[in-house]
Amino acid sequence: MTSLIEQAARRLEQLRQAGVDLSEFEAPAPAAAAPVPRVAEPLPPELVAPAALAVPDYMPDAAAASSRRIEIDLDTIAAAGIVTPNSPRSHLADQYRVLKRPLIANAMAKGAAAVKHGNLIMITSAVAGEGKSFTSINLAMSIAAELDHTVMLVDADVARPSVLRVLGLPPAPGLLDLLEGKAEMADVLLRTNIDKLSILPSGSPHPKATELLASAAMQALLDDMATRYQDRIILFDSPPLLLTTESRVLASHMGQIVVVVHAGSTLQATVQQALATIESCPLKLMVLNKARSGAQGAYGSHGYGYGYGYGYGYGYGAGSGPAQGQDASAPTPGAEPVRQP
């Protein structure tokens, strides 16, 4: 018996052949299934850009990371009287520890009063041959031994640079090239084998060195140096105050100035004349170099007066080298020593 379904199918076919429109009787074709919307998966947190990026307090020193690394022969400079990380504890090293402590306190705004650019420290003298470069290098070495601070030593004695020579290093581009726009910091900054010490040489001699040091480029450079790294102290080995104009220009940007005085050689009037050229600097400290036993203190009462004596001396001209039989005097603020014969 033919099924009802087969009979209905034949009947529909007969009607189609007869020309009858059967579309209204047919079931509608099933509609295409609507696509199921995909729920976007959240991105990983590291790929989501924040609405605002916070600027960290300390940015990596890209210039230092890409700068040239140099090797200082520590044994050789130690034999020349320079304090190094490998040196045993000595009276000279202890004197520099005493000297650096108030400088670091002022640089980190932990002194008696906050000082603008307190971490910019210029080491100078009244005239040549008083031991300022020797003091600059030893002070930099001593600060480099600190656990919480780094130090940059800038040879700003552009007329007569000596830092690289004393350290046994060849001349190199530096500060003047930077100011003239001929180099970037990464090109001239020297990293050393002393972890926390970097050196910025004076650079190529320039007939307008004074103008470069007084330029807006120098002001911008010093502002950047002073504010970029909270743990960095920058020492400037400067020309003597009474022999060139570069040191006076540089002094106007400094937070602290250390004036090195050769005991028994430099007249008090000469020192006072030199101090008069840096009246604008808020902090001035005195260092008495090559002091004999019993020599006292510092000259005058200009700012901070400290007298330190060192048993070793270094200078430009004749008479540099060890000071035989000399010792250090205790700090005596405000004392005025008489010139020794």
Protein backbone atom coordinates (compact mmCIF):
# COMPACT_ATOMS: atom_id res chain seq x y z
CA MET A 1 0.00 0.00 0.00
CA THR A 2 1.38 3.24 -1.12
CA SER A 3 2.08 5.58 1.74
CA LEU A 4 0.19 8.79 2.07
CA ILE A 5 3.43 10.71 1.71
CA GLU A 6 4.17 9.13 -1.67
CA GLN A 7 0.61 9.85 -2.85
CA ALA A 8 0.87 13.49 -1.78
CA ALA A 9 4.21 13.85 -3.56
CA ARG A 10 2.77 12.46 -6.82
CA ARG A 11 -0.26 14.75 -6.55
CA LEU A 12 1.98 17.81 -6.09
CA GLU A 13 4.01 16.82 -9.11
CA GLN A 14 0.83 16.54 -11.20
CA LEU A 15 -0.29 19.97 -10.12
CA ARG A 16 3.13 21.49 -11.03
CA GLN A 17 2.94 19.91 -14.47
CA ALA A 18 -0.53 21.44 -14.83
CA GLY A 19 0.94 24.91 -14.24
CA VAL A 20 -0.47 25.48 -10.74
CA ASP A 21 1.68 27.83 -8.54
CA LEU A 22 2.38 25.92 -5.37
CA SER A 23 4.93 28.35 -3.79
CA GLU A 24 2.52 29.59 -1.18
CA PHE A 25 1.97 25.99 -0.01
CA GLU A 26 5.70 25.16 0.29
CA ALA A 27 7.50 25.53 3.58
CA PRO A 28 9.96 28.44 3.58
CA ALA A 29 13.63 27.57 3.30
CA PRO A 30 15.34 27.75 6.64
CA ALA A 31 17.02 31.12 7.18
CA ALA A 32 20.78 31.17 7.31
CA ALA A 33 21.92 31.05 10.83
CA ALA A 34 22.96 34.44 12.06
CA PRO A 35 26.64 34.55 12.94
CA VAL A 36 27.26 34.25 16.61
CA PRO A 37 29.06 37.38 17.73
CA ARG A 38 32.56 36.68 19.09
CA VAL A 39 33.37 38.10 22.43
CA ALA A 40 36.82 39.73 22.23
CA GLU A 41 39.27 38.23 24.65
CA PRO A 42 40.97 40.78 26.89
CA LEU A 43 44.55 41.70 25.94
CA PRO A 44 47.39 40.82 28.29
CA PRO A 45 48.06 43.61 30.79
CA GLU A 46 51.53 44.26 29.36
CA LEU A 47 49.96 45.10 25.95
CA VAL A 48 47.36 47.49 27.28
CA ALA A 49 48.57 51.11 26.97
CA PRO A 50 47.85 53.13 30.12
CA ALA A 51 46.01 56.41 29.79
CA ALA A 52 49.07 58.30 31.08
CA LEU A 53 52.64 57.16 31.49
CA ALA A 54 54.23 58.09 34.79
CA VAL A 55 57.78 59.43 34.41
CA PRO A 56 60.09 57.57 36.78
CA ASP A 57 62.29 59.52 39.13
CA TYR A 58 65.40 57.88 37.72
CA MET A 59 65.89 57.27 34.03
CA PRO A 60 68.68 54.97 32.80
CA ASP A 61 71.86 56.78 31.85
CA ALA A 62 71.85 56.05 28.14
CA ALA A 63 74.90 58.23 27.57
CA ALA A 64 76.93 56.39 30.18
CA ALA A 65 75.75 52.99 28.97
CA SER A 66 76.93 53.65 25.42
CA SER A 67 80.05 55.68 26.21
CA ARG A 68 83.59 54.45 25.76
CA ARG A 69 85.18 52.48 28.59
CA ILE A 70 88.75 53.15 29.62
CA GLU A 71 91.17 51.38 31.94
CA ILE A 72 93.03 53.39 34.56
CA ASP A 73 96.25 51.81 35.78
CA LEU A 74 95.45 51.94 39.49
CA ASP A 75 98.90 50.79 40.62
CA THR A 76 100.63 53.54 38.64
CA ILE A 77 98.45 56.38 39.90
CA ALA A 78 98.63 55.01 43.46
CA ALA A 79 102.42 55.27 43.22
CA ALA A 80 101.94 58.94 42.24
CA GLY A 81 99.96 59.64 45.41
CA ILE A 82 96.42 59.16 44.13
CA VAL A 83 93.98 57.40 46.46
CA THR A 84 92.46 54.37 44.69
CA PRO A 85 89.93 51.69 45.67
CA ASN A 86 92.82 49.25 46.02
CA SER A 87 94.84 51.51 48.31
CA PRO A 88 95.20 50.53 51.96
CA ARG A 89 93.74 52.87 54.51
CA SER A 90 96.02 55.84 54.97
CA HIS A 91 96.18 59.27 56.55
CA LEU A 92 95.71 60.85 53.11
CA ALA A 93 92.61 58.75 52.37
CA ASP A 94 91.15 59.66 55.76
CA GLN A 95 91.70 63.36 55.07
CA TYR A 96 89.70 63.10 51.86
CA ARG A 97 86.95 61.27 53.73
CA VAL A 98 86.74 64.24 56.09
CA LEU A 99 86.78 66.67 53.16
CA LYS A 100 84.05 64.95 51.14
CA ARG A 101 81.55 64.56 53.98
CA PRO A 102 80.26 68.18 54.14
CA LEU A 103 80.36 68.39 50.33
CA ILE A 104 78.15 65.32 49.98
CA ALA A 105 75.79 66.57 52.69
CA ASN A 106 75.36 69.88 50.87
CA ALA A 107 75.00 68.13 47.52
CA MET A 108 72.20 65.94 48.85
CA ALA A 109 70.46 68.89 50.54
CA LYS A 110 71.33 67.55 53.98
CA GLY A 111 73.46 70.50 55.00
CA ALA A 112 72.54 73.60 56.96
CA ALA A 113 70.51 75.00 54.05
CA ALA A 114 69.33 73.79 50.67
CA VAL A 115 71.65 74.91 47.88
CA LYS A 116 70.68 75.14 44.22
CA HIS A 117 72.90 72.84 42.16
CA GLY A 118 74.62 71.73 45.34
CA ASN A 119 75.89 68.64 43.53
CA LEU A 120 77.89 70.82 41.11
CA ILE A 121 81.22 71.35 42.88
CA MET A 122 84.12 73.35 41.46
CA ILE A 123 87.67 72.76 42.68
CA THR A 124 89.92 75.72 41.99
CA SER A 125 92.75 77.82 43.43
CA ALA A 126 93.95 81.39 43.37
CA VAL A 127 97.00 80.73 41.19
CA ALA A 128 98.70 77.76 39.55
CA GLY A 129 100.69 75.14 41.42
CA GLU A 130 98.51 74.86 44.53
CA GLY A 131 97.32 71.28 44.02
CA LYS A 132 93.78 71.73 42.72
CA SER A 133 93.99 68.91 40.13
CA PHE A 134 95.52 66.56 42.68
CA THR A 135 92.68 67.46 45.04
CA SER A 136 90.03 67.05 42.32
CA ILE A 137 91.17 63.58 41.34
CA ASN A 138 91.57 62.32 44.89
CA LEU A 139 88.23 63.75 45.92
CA ALA A 140 86.57 62.03 42.94
CA MET A 141 88.23 58.74 43.89
CA SER A 142 87.05 59.11 47.47
CA ILE A 143 83.44 59.88 46.48
CA ALA A 144 83.49 56.91 44.06
CA ALA A 145 83.99 54.69 47.11
CA GLU A 146 80.60 55.77 48.48
CA LEU A 147 77.85 53.16 48.48
CA ASP A 148 75.01 55.54 47.61
CA HIS A 149 76.58 58.02 45.20
CA THR A 150 78.28 58.18 41.83
CA VAL A 151 80.70 60.87 40.66
CA MET A 152 81.58 62.51 37.36
CA LEU A 153 84.92 64.31 37.14
CA VAL A 154 84.90 67.11 34.55
CA ASP A 155 88.20 68.58 33.39
CA ALA A 156 87.06 72.17 33.03
CA ASP A 157 90.61 73.57 32.97
CA VAL A 158 90.21 74.04 29.23
CA ALA A 159 93.34 76.20 28.93
CA ARG A 160 95.61 73.67 30.62
CA PRO A 161 93.86 70.31 31.09
CA SER A 162 95.63 67.76 33.27
CA VAL A 163 93.14 65.14 34.52
CA LEU A 164 93.75 62.64 31.71
CA ARG A 165 97.50 63.22 31.84
CA VAL A 166 97.67 62.57 35.58
CA LEU A 167 95.63 59.38 35.15
CA GLY A 168 97.92 58.20 32.35
CA LEU A 169 95.28 58.54 29.62
CA PRO A 170 95.61 60.08 26.13
CA PRO A 171 93.81 63.31 25.17
CA ALA A 172 90.20 62.89 24.09
CA PRO A 173 87.22 64.96 22.93
CA GLY A 174 85.14 66.36 25.74
CA LEU A 175 83.40 69.38 27.20
CA LEU A 176 84.27 71.96 24.53
CA ASP A 177 83.32 69.58 21.70
CA LEU A 178 80.01 68.99 23.46
CA LEU A 179 79.29 72.71 23.83
CA GLU A 180 80.26 73.41 20.22
CA GLY A 181 77.77 70.80 19.02
CA LYS A 182 80.43 68.56 17.49
CA ALA A 183 79.71 65.60 19.78
CA GLU A 184 77.05 64.05 21.97
CA MET A 185 77.52 63.13 25.61
CA ALA A 186 77.76 59.44 24.72
CA ASP A 187 80.67 60.26 22.39
CA VAL A 188 82.82 62.01 25.00
CA LEU A 189 81.90 60.62 28.41
CA LEU A 190 84.45 58.04 29.57
CA ARG A 191 83.45 55.15 31.80
CA THR A 192 86.29 53.84 33.93
CA ASN A 193 87.21 50.58 35.59
CA ILE A 194 86.19 52.26 38.85
CA ASP A 195 82.48 51.45 38.84
CA LYS A 196 81.09 54.74 40.13
CA LEU A 197 83.54 57.09 38.43
CA SER A 198 83.12 58.61 34.96
CA ILE A 199 85.25 61.32 33.35
CA LEU A 200 84.38 64.15 30.97
CA PRO A 201 87.63 65.47 29.41
CA SER A 202 88.12 69.13 28.58
CA GLY A 203 88.04 68.42 24.86
CA SER A 204 89.63 70.09 21.87
CA PRO A 205 91.20 73.54 22.50
CA HIS A 206 89.02 76.39 21.30
CA PRO A 207 89.83 80.12 20.92
CA LYS A 208 86.41 81.03 22.35
CA ALA A 209 86.46 78.68 25.32
CA THR A 210 85.28 81.41 27.69
CA GLU A 211 82.32 82.21 25.48
CA LEU A 212 81.42 78.53 25.22
CA LEU A 213 81.47 78.18 29.01
CA ALA A 214 79.24 81.26 29.28
CA SER A 215 76.84 80.11 26.58
CA ALA A 216 73.24 78.99 26.87
CA ALA A 217 74.41 75.53 25.86
CA MET A 218 76.59 75.38 28.98
CA GLN A 219 73.73 76.54 31.19
CA ALA A 220 71.46 73.87 29.73
CA LEU A 221 74.14 71.21 30.13
CA LEU A 222 74.75 72.09 33.78
CA ASP A 223 71.04 72.19 34.56
CA ASP A 224 70.67 68.74 33.04
CA MET A 225 73.70 67.41 34.94
CA ALA A 226 72.45 68.82 38.23
CA THR A 227 68.90 67.51 38.01
CA ARG A 228 68.99 64.29 35.99
CA TYR A 229 70.53 61.96 38.58
CA GLN A 230 69.80 62.36 42.25
CA ASP A 231 72.77 60.27 43.36
CA ARG A 232 75.42 61.84 41.13
CA ILE A 233 77.98 64.42 42.26
CA ILE A 234 79.81 66.34 39.54
CA LEU A 235 83.28 67.71 40.27
CA PHE A 236 84.81 70.38 38.02
CA ASP A 237 88.59 70.77 37.97
CA SER A 238 88.65 74.48 37.16
CA PRO A 239 91.41 76.91 36.12
CA PRO A 240 92.91 79.17 38.82
CA LEU A 241 90.66 82.10 39.63
CA LEU A 242 93.21 84.86 39.10
CA LEU A 243 94.77 83.57 35.88
CA THR A 244 91.82 83.03 33.56
CA THR A 245 88.25 84.21 33.09
CA GLU A 246 86.88 80.69 32.45
CA SER A 247 86.83 79.82 36.14
CA ARG A 248 84.85 82.92 37.07
CA VAL A 249 82.26 82.14 34.41
CA LEU A 250 82.04 78.54 35.57
CA ALA A 251 81.77 79.59 39.22
CA SER A 252 78.51 81.43 38.52
CA HIS A 253 76.82 78.07 37.81
CA MET A 254 78.18 76.13 40.79
CA GLY A 255 76.49 75.22 44.04
CA GLN A 256 79.76 74.71 45.94
CA ILE A 257 83.34 75.83 45.39
CA VAL A 258 86.46 74.35 46.97
CA VAL A 259 89.47 76.68 46.94
CA VAL A 260 92.82 74.91 47.33
CA VAL A 261 95.58 76.94 48.98
CA HIS A 262 99.25 75.95 49.04
CA ALA A 263 100.36 76.33 52.65
CA GLY A 264 103.36 78.60 53.14
CA SER A 265 103.29 79.80 49.54
CA THR A 266 100.13 81.71 48.72
CA LEU A 267 99.68 85.11 50.34
CA GLN A 268 96.53 85.74 52.31
CA ALA A 269 95.84 88.82 50.19
CA THR A 270 96.01 86.67 47.05
CA VAL A 271 93.47 84.24 48.47
CA GLN A 272 91.16 87.06 49.51
CA GLN A 273 91.40 88.53 46.02
CA ALA A 274 90.46 85.15 44.54
CA LEU A 275 87.52 84.76 46.91
CA ALA A 276 86.23 88.17 45.88
CA THR A 277 85.74 86.85 42.33
CA ILE A 278 83.31 84.14 43.48
CA GLU A 279 81.12 86.08 45.88
CA SER A 280 77.97 84.83 44.12
CA CYS A 281 78.54 81.20 45.07
CA PRO A 282 76.62 80.33 48.26
CA LEU A 283 79.16 77.85 49.64
CA LYS A 284 82.94 78.21 49.56
CA LEU A 285 85.21 75.77 51.35
CA MET A 286 88.94 76.17 51.87
CA VAL A 287 91.52 73.39 51.64
CA LEU A 288 95.02 74.02 52.97
CA ASN A 289 97.40 71.85 50.95
CA LYS A 290 100.94 70.78 51.95
CA ALA A 291 100.46 72.06 55.48
CA ARG A 292 103.25 71.51 57.98
CA SER A 293 102.53 70.20 61.46
CA GLY A 294 100.97 72.98 63.45
CA ALA A 295 99.79 75.00 60.45
CA GLN A 296 96.29 76.13 61.18
CA GLY A 297 93.04 76.41 59.35
CA ALA A 298 91.71 78.43 56.52
CA TYR A 299 91.92 81.96 55.24
CA GLY A 300 89.27 84.40 56.37
CA SER A 301 85.62 83.81 57.07
CA HIS A 302 84.20 83.54 53.54
CA GLY A 303 81.45 80.96 53.72
CA TYR A 304 82.76 77.73 55.18
CA GLY A 305 86.40 77.76 56.18
CA TYR A 306 88.14 74.42 56.62
CA GLY A 307 91.85 73.82 56.75
CA TYR A 308 93.10 70.43 55.62
CA GLY A 309 96.71 69.58 55.07
CA TYR A 310 98.00 66.80 52.86
CA GLY A 311 101.34 65.07 53.03
CA TYR A 312 101.44 64.87 49.24
CA GLY A 313 101.27 67.63 46.69
CA TYR A 314 100.70 68.00 42.99
CA GLY A 315 100.93 71.13 40.90
CA TYR A 316 101.56 72.61 37.49
CA GLY A 317 105.12 73.78 37.70
CA ALA A 318 108.29 73.16 39.65
CA GLY A 319 107.99 71.92 43.17
CA SER A 320 105.22 69.44 42.52
CA GLY A 321 105.44 66.02 44.06
CA PRO A 322 105.78 64.70 47.60
CA ALA A 323 105.98 67.19 50.40
CA GLN A 324 108.58 65.58 52.61
CA GLY A 325 108.04 65.55 56.34
CA GLN A 326 104.64 67.22 56.22
CA ASP A 327 101.52 66.28 58.09
CA ALA A 328 97.90 67.34 58.14
CA SER A 329 96.49 69.90 60.47
CA ALA A 330 93.09 69.48 62.07
CA PRO A 331 90.17 71.47 60.62
CA THR A 332 90.14 74.94 62.16
CA PRO A 333 87.39 77.13 60.70
CA GLY A 334 88.09 80.83 60.53
CA ALA A 335 91.78 80.76 61.46
CA GLU A 336 94.12 82.99 59.44
CA PRO A 337 97.59 81.46 59.05
CA VAL A 338 100.61 83.66 58.49
CA ARG A 339 102.62 83.01 55.37
CA GLN A 340 105.50 80.70 56.21
CA PRO A 341 108.97 81.57 54.91
